[in-house]
Protein backbone atom coordinates (compact mmCIF):
# COMPACT_ATOMS: atom_id res chain seq x y z
CA MET A 1 0.00 0.00 0.00
CA ALA A 2 2.82 2.42 0.89
CA HIS A 3 4.50 1.60 -2.43
CA ARG A 4 1.30 2.44 -4.29
CA ASP A 5 0.84 5.72 -2.37
CA PHE A 6 4.38 6.78 -3.18
CA PHE A 7 3.60 6.81 -6.89
CA HIS A 8 0.17 8.37 -6.47
CA PHE A 9 -0.11 11.39 -8.77
CA PRO A 10 -0.45 14.59 -6.71
CA LYS A 11 -3.44 16.93 -6.94
CA LEU A 12 -3.28 19.60 -9.62
CA ARG A 13 -4.34 23.12 -8.62
CA VAL A 14 -4.46 26.41 -10.50
CA HIS A 15 -3.76 29.78 -8.88
CA PRO A 16 -6.35 32.50 -9.69
CA PHE A 17 -3.67 34.69 -11.34
CA ALA A 18 -2.01 31.84 -13.23
CA VAL A 19 -3.69 32.46 -16.58
CA SER A 20 -3.04 36.20 -16.65
CA GLY A 21 0.54 35.80 -15.43
CA LEU A 22 1.40 33.08 -17.94
CA PHE A 23 -0.27 35.09 -20.72
CA ILE A 24 2.01 38.05 -19.95
CA LEU A 25 5.07 35.81 -19.85
CA LEU A 26 4.24 34.00 -23.09
CA PHE A 27 2.87 36.81 -25.23
CA VAL A 28 4.07 40.13 -23.77
CA MET A 29 7.52 39.63 -22.28
CA PRO A 30 10.64 38.96 -24.42
CA ARG A 31 11.11 35.28 -25.21
CA ALA A 32 14.52 35.12 -23.56
CA TYR A 33 13.05 36.46 -20.31
CA THR A 34 10.09 34.08 -20.50
CA PHE A 35 12.37 31.09 -21.03
CA ALA A 36 14.64 32.19 -18.18
CA VAL A 37 11.76 32.61 -15.71
CA LEU A 38 9.93 29.39 -16.56
CA SER A 39 13.07 27.25 -16.67
CA SER A 40 14.53 28.76 -13.47
CA VAL A 41 11.28 28.27 -11.53
CA LEU A 42 10.85 24.73 -12.87
CA LEU A 43 14.39 23.69 -11.93
CA HIS A 44 14.04 25.34 -8.52
CA GLU A 45 10.94 23.28 -7.78
CA LEU A 46 12.54 20.13 -9.19
CA GLY A 47 15.39 20.66 -6.75
CA HIS A 48 12.96 20.63 -3.83
CA LEU A 49 11.10 17.66 -5.30
CA THR A 50 14.27 15.61 -5.82
CA ALA A 51 15.41 16.16 -2.23
CA SER A 52 11.95 15.29 -0.92
CA LEU A 53 11.81 12.07 -2.97
CA LEU A 54 15.24 11.07 -1.64
CA TYR A 55 13.60 11.14 1.79
CA HIS A 56 10.75 9.04 0.36
CA LYS A 57 8.28 11.94 0.62
CA PRO A 58 5.98 12.26 -2.42
CA PRO A 59 4.57 15.70 -3.32
CA ARG A 60 1.10 16.60 -2.04
CA SER A 61 0.04 18.80 -4.94
CA ILE A 62 1.25 20.71 -7.98
CA LYS A 63 -0.03 24.26 -8.39
CA ILE A 64 0.04 26.16 -11.67
CA ILE A 65 1.10 29.72 -10.81
CA ALA A 66 1.81 32.92 -12.74
CA THR A 67 5.48 32.03 -13.20
CA GLY A 68 5.12 28.30 -13.90
CA ILE A 69 4.56 25.72 -11.17
CA SER A 70 4.82 25.39 -7.41
CA ILE A 71 5.08 21.98 -5.76
CA GLU A 72 3.61 21.43 -2.29
CA LEU A 73 5.76 18.86 -0.50
CA SER A 74 4.99 16.57 2.40
CA PRO A 75 6.10 17.92 5.81
CA ALA A 76 9.66 17.11 6.81
CA SER A 77 10.20 14.51 9.52
CA SER A 78 13.18 16.30 11.05
CA TYR A 79 14.84 19.70 11.09
CA ALA A 80 17.82 18.32 9.16
CA GLU A 81 15.48 17.07 6.44
CA GLU A 82 13.78 20.48 6.34
CA ILE A 83 17.13 22.23 5.85
CA VAL A 84 18.24 19.87 3.06
CA THR A 85 14.90 20.00 1.23
CA CYS A 86 14.67 23.81 1.38
CA ALA A 87 18.29 24.31 0.33
CA ALA A 88 17.90 22.05 -2.71
CA GLY A 89 15.88 24.65 -4.65
CA PRO A 90 18.40 27.53 -4.45
CA LEU A 91 21.23 25.03 -5.01
CA MET A 92 19.57 23.94 -8.27
CA ASN A 93 19.45 27.59 -9.37
CA LEU A 94 23.19 27.94 -8.71
CA LEU A 95 23.87 24.83 -10.78
CA TYR A 96 21.68 26.26 -13.55
CA ILE A 97 23.75 29.45 -13.51
CA ALA A 98 26.92 27.39 -13.98
CA ALA A 99 25.32 25.40 -16.82
CA ALA A 100 23.93 28.48 -18.59
CA SER A 101 27.19 28.96 -20.49
CA CYS A 102 25.96 26.40 -23.02
CA PHE A 103 23.25 28.85 -24.15
CA PRO A 104 23.80 31.67 -26.70
CA SER A 105 25.36 34.77 -25.11
CA HIS A 106 22.16 36.89 -24.96
CA LEU A 107 20.15 34.03 -23.46
CA CYS A 108 22.98 33.03 -21.12
CA GLU A 109 23.06 36.42 -19.39
CA THR A 110 19.27 36.51 -18.99
CA VAL A 111 19.15 33.00 -17.54
CA ARG A 112 21.98 33.74 -15.13
CA THR A 113 20.39 36.99 -13.95
CA VAL A 114 16.91 35.55 -13.44
CA SER A 115 18.17 32.35 -11.79
CA LEU A 116 20.45 34.31 -9.46
CA LEU A 117 17.63 36.67 -8.46
CA LEU A 118 15.32 33.71 -7.83
CA CYS A 119 18.00 32.04 -5.71
CA LEU A 120 18.70 35.16 -3.64
CA LEU A 121 15.02 35.99 -3.25
CA ASN A 122 14.22 32.54 -1.91
CA LEU A 123 17.13 32.73 0.53
CA LEU A 124 15.73 35.84 2.21
CA PRO A 125 14.99 35.07 5.90
CA LEU A 126 11.22 35.37 5.45
CA GLU A 127 9.21 32.80 7.35
CA THR A 128 7.52 31.26 4.29
CA PHE A 129 10.60 31.36 2.04
CA ASP A 130 13.38 28.79 1.78
CA GLY A 131 15.77 31.05 3.68
CA GLY A 132 13.31 31.56 6.52
CA ARG A 133 12.50 27.87 6.76
CA ILE A 134 16.20 26.99 6.80
CA LEU A 135 16.85 29.56 9.51
CA GLY A 136 13.85 28.37 11.53
CA ALA A 137 14.89 24.72 11.27
CA PHE A 138 18.48 25.58 12.18
CA CYS A 139 17.42 27.54 15.28
CA SER A 140 14.98 24.80 16.31
CA LEU A 141 17.62 22.12 15.81
CA PHE A 142 20.23 23.76 18.05
CA PHE A 143 18.09 25.91 20.35
CA SER A 144 14.28 25.85 20.55
CA GLU A 145 11.17 26.36 18.44
CA ARG A 146 10.22 29.40 20.51
CA LEU A 147 13.54 31.06 19.75
CA ALA A 148 13.13 30.10 16.08
CA ASP A 149 9.72 31.82 15.99
CA ASP A 150 11.12 34.95 17.63
CA VAL A 151 14.08 35.09 15.25
CA LEU A 152 11.83 34.64 12.20
CA GLN A 153 9.50 37.39 13.38
CA ILE A 154 12.47 39.77 13.56
CA THR A 155 14.13 38.73 10.29
CA THR A 156 10.81 38.76 8.41
CA ALA A 157 9.97 42.26 9.63
CA PHE A 158 13.49 43.50 8.85
CA SER A 159 13.54 41.92 5.37
CA LEU A 160 10.14 43.34 4.46
CA THR A 161 11.18 46.78 5.68
CA VAL A 162 14.35 46.70 3.58
CA LEU A 163 12.39 45.52 0.54
CA TRP A 164 9.80 48.28 0.99
CA VAL A 165 12.45 50.98 1.32
CA LEU A 166 14.36 49.63 -1.68
CA SER A 167 11.20 49.37 -3.80
CA LEU A 168 10.16 52.94 -2.95
CA TYR A 169 13.66 54.20 -3.74
CA ILE A 170 13.69 52.41 -7.11
CA PHE A 171 10.17 53.65 -7.93
CA PHE A 172 10.83 57.31 -7.12
CA TYR A 173 14.31 57.21 -8.67
CA SER A 174 13.19 55.64 -11.96
CA GLY A 175 9.68 57.10 -11.97
CA ILE A 176 8.26 54.10 -13.81
CA ASN A 177 9.62 50.87 -12.32
CA MET A 178 6.96 49.59 -9.91
CA THR A 179 7.93 45.91 -10.17
CA LEU A 180 9.55 45.61 -6.73
CA LEU A 181 6.89 47.82 -5.14
CA VAL A 182 4.08 45.63 -6.47
CA PHE A 183 6.00 42.52 -5.42
CA CYS A 184 6.39 43.84 -1.86
CA ALA A 185 2.66 44.60 -1.64
CA TYR A 186 1.86 41.09 -2.87
CA LEU A 187 4.41 39.54 -0.51
CA PHE A 188 3.09 41.44 2.50
CA SER A 189 -0.51 40.42 1.74
CA TYR A 190 0.55 36.83 1.12
CA LEU A 191 2.36 36.57 4.45
CA ILE A 192 -0.57 38.07 6.37
CA LEU A 193 -3.10 35.74 4.73
CA LYS A 194 -0.87 32.69 5.18
CA LYS A 195 -0.30 33.47 8.85
CA THR A 196 -4.04 34.00 9.42
CA CYS A 197 -5.35 31.00 7.51
CA HIS A 198 -2.52 28.51 7.88
CA GLY A 199 -1.08 29.00 11.31
CA GLU A 200 0.40 25.57 11.74
CA LYS A 201 4.06 24.83 11.09
CA ASN A 202 5.26 22.42 8.43
CA MET A 203 8.24 21.21 10.44
CA ILE A 204 7.94 18.15 12.66
CA LYS A 205 10.53 17.55 15.34
């Protein structure tokens, strides 16, 4: 029975903004940028999935999002497993950057830039991001879950503040670039909704 469950195909979900986001990527944005975003996101998620499968944890669901896919994994059984699984996504992006040299020069630079930004963004110490989950698991492993929660509250607030200030600076400096500002507004709303509706932790000691 366990063997059959392991190969059970996960649920497929579609985010409300998936269609509009993918439409913009496929038909509005430059093709090099579209390829870089979709391939970087896909490889990032495959990194998480590969690590999870090595721990014999099948994915729970696959969600179609505005930038490609997002894979919901089964909860980790230990803090060490949480750290390895979360780190696998950014690590895959770094490997993709190294392998991008096989692409034509114009595509190579775009892939490297997008993959690096995705890697760095996910390593931010925000409580729902890879970096925050790694930090929380590390603190819980060596100290306590209460300390981990306190540290994540501080790092999340600090990171959001820095992002807001940076986005406002870029917006007022350029006069037209609202990308980071819109992202920060989305991120802030996402974190509030996730904390309200999904209060439980994914880590299991």
